[in-house]
Amino acid sequence: VFGDIFETARCFIDSGKILDSPSAMLLSGLADQCADCWRQRDAGIWEWPEKQHYTMSKISCWQALSRAIELADGGHLPTTCRERWDRERQRIQAWIERHCWSEDRQAYLFYPDSDRLDASLALAVRFGYPSKKRLRSTLEAIDHDLGAGAFHYRYTDAQEEEGCFLACTFW
């Protein structure tokens, strides 16, 4: 959820609001926590309960640190750890590019070594994840493999377990 928290903070700032000092310190601490824990396997509300290195979770951490850097550069967060956040953001991106991309599928995978796709990766475009060519190819693979008419399944083989995931259609 790190990415969602920082995206919300950025929207708050963009709407003309100002972060108070306790909120800025809390966000700074969350950015530090994100920088510390992004290497761990996890299982969030959007993923299976099995802990994995979910690609979308890593992208969410990348997003959180990107927004934290933007907020620090804009004078909304302390800049004390800005360089650390930037280093970790770069490490996250390098890890994603190395472990989550499939040359065979020409797409980012649900998680490394899975061969499955995840429609939530379409959100990476909105988050500004920088690998545009790979994201475009991933979106094409998602449409091809997970599309069902006007709708999309959340992940590969989901049609065997559940119906389309409406949110994915809007992503």
C-alpha atoms as a PDB file:
ATOM      1  CA  VAL A   1       0.000   0.000   0.000  1.00  0.00           C
ATOM      2  CA  PHE A   2       3.015   2.311   0.086  1.00  0.00           C
ATOM      3  CA  GLY A   3       2.327   3.535  -3.438  1.00  0.00           C
ATOM      4  CA  ASP A   4      -1.330   4.304  -2.687  1.00  0.00           C
ATOM      5  CA  ILE A   5      -0.423   6.286   0.431  1.00  0.00           C
ATOM      6  CA  PHE A   6       2.115   8.443  -1.392  1.00  0.00           C
ATOM      7  CA  GLU A   7      -0.117   8.885  -4.437  1.00  0.00           C
ATOM      8  CA  THR A   8      -2.839  10.153  -2.093  1.00  0.00           C
ATOM      9  CA  ALA A   9      -0.398  12.548  -0.441  1.00  0.00           C
ATOM     10  CA  ARG A  10       0.638  13.879  -3.833  1.00  0.00           C
ATOM     11  CA  CYS A  11      -3.019  14.400  -4.840  1.00  0.00           C
ATOM     12  CA  PHE A  12      -3.546  16.226  -1.534  1.00  0.00           C
ATOM     13  CA  ILE A  13      -0.618  18.550  -2.285  1.00  0.00           C
ATOM     14  CA  ASP A  14      -1.656  18.979  -5.930  1.00  0.00           C
ATOM     15  CA  SER A  15      -5.093  20.159  -4.786  1.00  0.00           C
ATOM     16  CA  GLY A  16      -3.456  23.081  -2.982  1.00  0.00           C
ATOM     17  CA  LYS A  17      -3.262  21.629   0.509  1.00  0.00           C
ATOM     18  CA  ILE A  18      -0.202  21.733   2.758  1.00  0.00           C
ATOM     19  CA  LEU A  19       1.173  18.854   4.825  1.00  0.00           C
ATOM     20  CA  ASP A  20       1.572  19.678   8.486  1.00  0.00           C
ATOM     21  CA  SER A  21       4.844  18.748  10.157  1.00  0.00           C
ATOM     22  CA  PRO A  22       3.584  15.550  11.879  1.00  0.00           C
ATOM     23  CA  SER A  23       2.143  14.282   8.561  1.00  0.00           C
ATOM     24  CA  ALA A  24       5.385  15.070   6.731  1.00  0.00           C
ATOM     25  CA  MET A  25       7.379  13.199   9.372  1.00  0.00           C
ATOM     26  CA  LEU A  26       4.993  10.230   9.205  1.00  0.00           C
ATOM     27  CA  LEU A  27       5.321  10.075   5.409  1.00  0.00           C
ATOM     28  CA  SER A  28       9.085  10.368   5.648  1.00  0.00           C
ATOM     29  CA  GLY A  29       9.115   7.435   8.055  1.00  0.00           C
ATOM     30  CA  LEU A  30       6.905   5.414   5.705  1.00  0.00           C
ATOM     31  CA  ALA A  31       9.287   6.127   2.820  1.00  0.00           C
ATOM     32  CA  ASP A  32      12.142   4.845   4.983  1.00  0.00           C
ATOM     33  CA  GLN A  33      10.118   1.741   5.860  1.00  0.00           C
ATOM     34  CA  CYS A  34       9.376   1.147   2.161  1.00  0.00           C
ATOM     35  CA  ALA A  35      13.087   1.527   1.340  1.00  0.00           C
ATOM     36  CA  ASP A  36      13.865  -1.028   4.046  1.00  0.00           C
ATOM     37  CA  CYS A  37      11.281  -3.709   3.251  1.00  0.00           C
ATOM     38  CA  TRP A  38      10.748  -3.762  -0.536  1.00  0.00           C
ATOM     39  CA  ARG A  39      13.014  -6.824  -0.888  1.00  0.00           C
ATOM     40  CA  GLN A  40      10.695  -8.985   1.219  1.00  0.00           C
ATOM     41  CA  ARG A  41       8.072 -11.321  -0.162  1.00  0.00           C
ATOM     42  CA  ASP A  42       4.553 -10.204   0.622  1.00  0.00           C
ATOM     43  CA  ALA A  43       0.885 -10.964   0.064  1.00  0.00           C
ATOM     44  CA  GLY A  44      -1.468  -8.016  -0.054  1.00  0.00           C
ATOM     45  CA  ILE A  45      -5.198  -7.708  -0.574  1.00  0.00           C
ATOM     46  CA  TRP A  46      -4.682  -7.711  -4.347  1.00  0.00           C
ATOM     47  CA  GLU A  47      -2.515 -10.829  -4.498  1.00  0.00           C
ATOM     48  CA  TRP A  48      -2.836 -14.437  -3.529  1.00  0.00           C
ATOM     49  CA  PRO A  49      -2.291 -15.255   0.150  1.00  0.00           C
ATOM     50  CA  GLU A  50       0.969 -17.025  -0.807  1.00  0.00           C
ATOM     51  CA  LYS A  51       3.909 -14.718  -0.162  1.00  0.00           C
ATOM     52  CA  GLN A  52       5.816 -13.947  -3.353  1.00  0.00           C
ATOM     53  CA  HIS A  53       7.807 -11.148  -4.914  1.00  0.00           C
ATOM     54  CA  TYR A  54       4.718  -9.800  -6.707  1.00  0.00           C
ATOM     55  CA  THR A  55       5.702  -7.476  -9.515  1.00  0.00           C
ATOM     56  CA  MET A  56       2.881  -5.069  -8.743  1.00  0.00           C
ATOM     57  CA  SER A  57       3.991  -4.839  -5.126  1.00  0.00           C
ATOM     58  CA  LYS A  58       7.507  -3.923  -6.246  1.00  0.00           C
ATOM     59  CA  ILE A  59       6.111  -1.317  -8.643  1.00  0.00           C
ATOM     60  CA  SER A  60       4.049   0.101  -5.777  1.00  0.00           C
ATOM     61  CA  CYS A  61       7.247   0.495  -3.749  1.00  0.00           C
ATOM     62  CA  TRP A  62       8.912   2.161  -6.732  1.00  0.00           C
ATOM     63  CA  GLN A  63       5.899   4.489  -6.992  1.00  0.00           C
ATOM     64  CA  ALA A  64       6.006   5.335  -3.269  1.00  0.00           C
ATOM     65  CA  LEU A  65       9.664   6.296  -3.367  1.00  0.00           C
ATOM     66  CA  SER A  66       9.162   8.273  -6.580  1.00  0.00           C
ATOM     67  CA  ARG A  67       6.368  10.281  -4.956  1.00  0.00           C
ATOM     68  CA  ALA A  68       8.397  10.706  -1.740  1.00  0.00           C
ATOM     69  CA  ILE A  69      11.243  12.157  -3.813  1.00  0.00           C
ATOM     70  CA  GLU A  70       8.840  14.487  -5.634  1.00  0.00           C
ATOM     71  CA  LEU A  71       7.383  15.631  -2.311  1.00  0.00           C
ATOM     72  CA  ALA A  72      10.861  16.192  -0.863  1.00  0.00           C
ATOM     73  CA  ASP A  73      11.944  18.112  -3.968  1.00  0.00           C
ATOM     74  CA  GLY A  74       8.820  20.262  -3.627  1.00  0.00           C
ATOM     75  CA  GLY A  75       9.623  21.114  -0.021  1.00  0.00           C
ATOM     76  CA  HIS A  76       6.791  19.005   1.422  1.00  0.00           C
ATOM     77  CA  LEU A  77       8.954  16.301   3.053  1.00  0.00           C
ATOM     78  CA  PRO A  78      12.341  16.491   4.754  1.00  0.00           C
ATOM     79  CA  THR A  79      15.182  15.935   2.287  1.00  0.00           C
ATOM     80  CA  THR A  80      17.410  14.130   4.783  1.00  0.00           C
ATOM     81  CA  CYS A  81      16.813  10.692   3.199  1.00  0.00           C
ATOM     82  CA  ARG A  82      16.039  11.811  -0.343  1.00  0.00           C
ATOM     83  CA  GLU A  83      19.229  10.357  -1.842  1.00  0.00           C
ATOM     84  CA  ARG A  84      18.629   7.041  -0.085  1.00  0.00           C
ATOM     85  CA  TRP A  85      15.061   6.926  -1.437  1.00  0.00           C
ATOM     86  CA  ASP A  86      16.398   7.577  -4.928  1.00  0.00           C
ATOM     87  CA  ARG A  87      19.022   4.808  -4.648  1.00  0.00           C
ATOM     88  CA  GLU A  88      16.400   2.327  -3.448  1.00  0.00           C
ATOM     89  CA  ARG A  89      13.976   3.384  -6.179  1.00  0.00           C
ATOM     90  CA  GLN A  90      16.683   2.694  -8.758  1.00  0.00           C
ATOM     91  CA  ARG A  91      17.407  -0.671  -7.138  1.00  0.00           C
ATOM     92  CA  ILE A  92      13.730  -1.587  -7.240  1.00  0.00           C
ATOM     93  CA  GLN A  93      13.510  -0.736 -10.927  1.00  0.00           C
ATOM     94  CA  ALA A  94      16.669  -2.719 -11.699  1.00  0.00           C
ATOM     95  CA  TRP A  95      15.281  -5.696  -9.730  1.00  0.00           C
ATOM     96  CA  ILE A  96      11.967  -5.549 -11.609  1.00  0.00           C
ATOM     97  CA  GLU A  97      13.707  -5.330 -14.974  1.00  0.00           C
ATOM     98  CA  ARG A  98      15.993  -8.255 -14.130  1.00  0.00           C
ATOM     99  CA  HIS A  99      13.555 -10.608 -12.386  1.00  0.00           C
ATOM    100  CA  CYS A 100      10.003  -9.739 -13.478  1.00  0.00           C
ATOM    101  CA  TRP A 101      10.356  -9.331 -17.243  1.00  0.00           C
ATOM    102  CA  SER A 102       9.832 -12.371 -19.472  1.00  0.00           C
ATOM    103  CA  GLU A 103      11.504 -12.336 -22.869  1.00  0.00           C
ATOM    104  CA  ASP A 104       9.340 -15.313 -23.874  1.00  0.00           C
ATOM    105  CA  ARG A 105       6.054 -13.608 -22.946  1.00  0.00           C
ATOM    106  CA  GLN A 106       7.297 -10.108 -23.785  1.00  0.00           C
ATOM    107  CA  ALA A 107       5.590  -8.978 -20.596  1.00  0.00           C
ATOM    108  CA  TYR A 108       6.095  -8.370 -16.922  1.00  0.00           C
ATOM    109  CA  LEU A 109       4.999 -11.436 -14.995  1.00  0.00           C
ATOM    110  CA  PHE A 110       2.691 -11.754 -11.988  1.00  0.00           C
ATOM    111  CA  TYR A 111       5.831 -12.644 -10.017  1.00  0.00           C
ATOM    112  CA  PRO A 112       9.274 -13.937 -11.081  1.00  0.00           C
ATOM    113  CA  ASP A 113       9.454 -17.447 -12.560  1.00  0.00           C
ATOM    114  CA  SER A 114       5.643 -17.757 -12.715  1.00  0.00           C
ATOM    115  CA  ASP A 115       4.808 -17.405 -16.454  1.00  0.00           C
ATOM    116  CA  ARG A 116       1.494 -15.825 -15.329  1.00  0.00           C
ATOM    117  CA  LEU A 117       0.233 -12.351 -16.141  1.00  0.00           C
ATOM    118  CA  ASP A 118      -1.432  -9.864 -13.795  1.00  0.00           C
ATOM    119  CA  ALA A 119      -3.819  -7.225 -15.146  1.00  0.00           C
ATOM    120  CA  SER A 120      -3.047  -4.871 -12.264  1.00  0.00           C
ATOM    121  CA  LEU A 121       0.273  -4.156 -13.982  1.00  0.00           C
ATOM    122  CA  ALA A 122      -1.713  -1.855 -16.264  1.00  0.00           C
ATOM    123  CA  LEU A 123      -1.663   0.599 -13.348  1.00  0.00           C
ATOM    124  CA  ALA A 124       2.097   0.969 -13.765  1.00  0.00           C
ATOM    125  CA  VAL A 125       1.412   3.193 -16.778  1.00  0.00           C
ATOM    126  CA  ARG A 126      -0.587   5.629 -14.634  1.00  0.00           C
ATOM    127  CA  PHE A 127       2.082   5.522 -11.920  1.00  0.00           C
ATOM    128  CA  GLY A 128       4.690   6.658 -14.445  1.00  0.00           C
ATOM    129  CA  TYR A 129       6.829   3.537 -14.320  1.00  0.00           C
ATOM    130  CA  PRO A 130       9.527   4.401 -16.879  1.00  0.00           C
ATOM    131  CA  SER A 131       9.789   1.259 -19.042  1.00  0.00           C
ATOM    132  CA  LYS A 132       7.264   2.422 -21.631  1.00  0.00           C
ATOM    133  CA  LYS A 133       8.108  -0.078 -24.373  1.00  0.00           C
ATOM    134  CA  ARG A 134       7.891  -3.017 -21.978  1.00  0.00           C
ATOM    135  CA  LEU A 135       4.681  -1.673 -20.447  1.00  0.00           C
ATOM    136  CA  ARG A 136       3.107  -1.363 -23.891  1.00  0.00           C
ATOM    137  CA  SER A 137       4.056  -4.952 -24.646  1.00  0.00           C
ATOM    138  CA  THR A 138       2.705  -6.045 -21.251  1.00  0.00           C
ATOM    139  CA  LEU A 139      -0.607  -4.304 -21.937  1.00  0.00           C
ATOM    140  CA  GLU A 140      -0.868  -6.118 -25.268  1.00  0.00           C
ATOM    141  CA  ALA A 141      -0.188  -9.453 -23.546  1.00  0.00           C
ATOM    142  CA  ILE A 142      -2.772  -8.656 -20.856  1.00  0.00           C
ATOM    143  CA  ASP A 143      -5.380  -7.802 -23.497  1.00  0.00           C
ATOM    144  CA  HIS A 144      -4.590 -10.963 -25.423  1.00  0.00           C
ATOM    145  CA  ASP A 145      -4.384 -13.415 -22.516  1.00  0.00           C
ATOM    146  CA  LEU A 146      -6.671 -11.896 -19.893  1.00  0.00           C
ATOM    147  CA  GLY A 147      -9.241 -10.113 -22.018  1.00  0.00           C
ATOM    148  CA  ALA A 148     -12.774 -11.503 -22.219  1.00  0.00           C
ATOM    149  CA  GLY A 149     -14.711  -9.258 -24.571  1.00  0.00           C
ATOM    150  CA  ALA A 150     -14.882  -5.827 -22.955  1.00  0.00           C
ATOM    151  CA  PHE A 151     -13.655  -7.166 -19.601  1.00  0.00           C
ATOM    152  CA  HIS A 152     -10.468  -8.613 -18.123  1.00  0.00           C
ATOM    153  CA  TYR A 153      -9.567 -11.336 -15.703  1.00  0.00           C
ATOM    154  CA  ARG A 154      -7.199 -10.330 -12.929  1.00  0.00           C
ATOM    155  CA  TYR A 155      -4.520 -12.950 -13.621  1.00  0.00           C
ATOM    156  CA  THR A 156      -3.750 -15.957 -15.815  1.00  0.00           C
ATOM    157  CA  ASP A 157      -6.145 -18.893 -15.268  1.00  0.00           C
ATOM    158  CA  ALA A 158      -8.509 -16.779 -13.125  1.00  0.00           C
ATOM    159  CA  GLN A 159     -11.394 -17.825 -15.384  1.00  0.00           C
ATOM    160  CA  GLU A 160     -11.136 -21.261 -13.770  1.00  0.00           C
ATOM    161  CA  GLU A 161     -11.724 -19.749 -10.315  1.00  0.00           C
ATOM    162  CA  GLU A 162     -13.757 -16.553 -10.700  1.00  0.00           C
ATOM    163  CA  GLY A 163     -15.356 -14.108 -13.097  1.00  0.00           C
ATOM    164  CA  CYS A 164     -13.774 -11.055 -14.657  1.00  0.00           C
ATOM    165  CA  PHE A 165     -12.367  -8.480 -12.281  1.00  0.00           C
ATOM    166  CA  LEU A 166     -14.206  -5.320 -13.239  1.00  0.00           C
ATOM    167  CA  ALA A 167     -11.554  -2.916 -11.906  1.00  0.00           C
ATOM    168  CA  CYS A 168      -9.014  -4.389 -14.360  1.00  0.00           C
ATOM    169  CA  THR A 169     -11.192  -3.298 -17.249  1.00  0.00           C
ATOM    170  CA  PHE A 170     -10.826   0.352 -16.194  1.00  0.00           C
ATOM    171  CA  TRP A 171      -7.088   0.093 -15.564  1.00  0.00           C
END
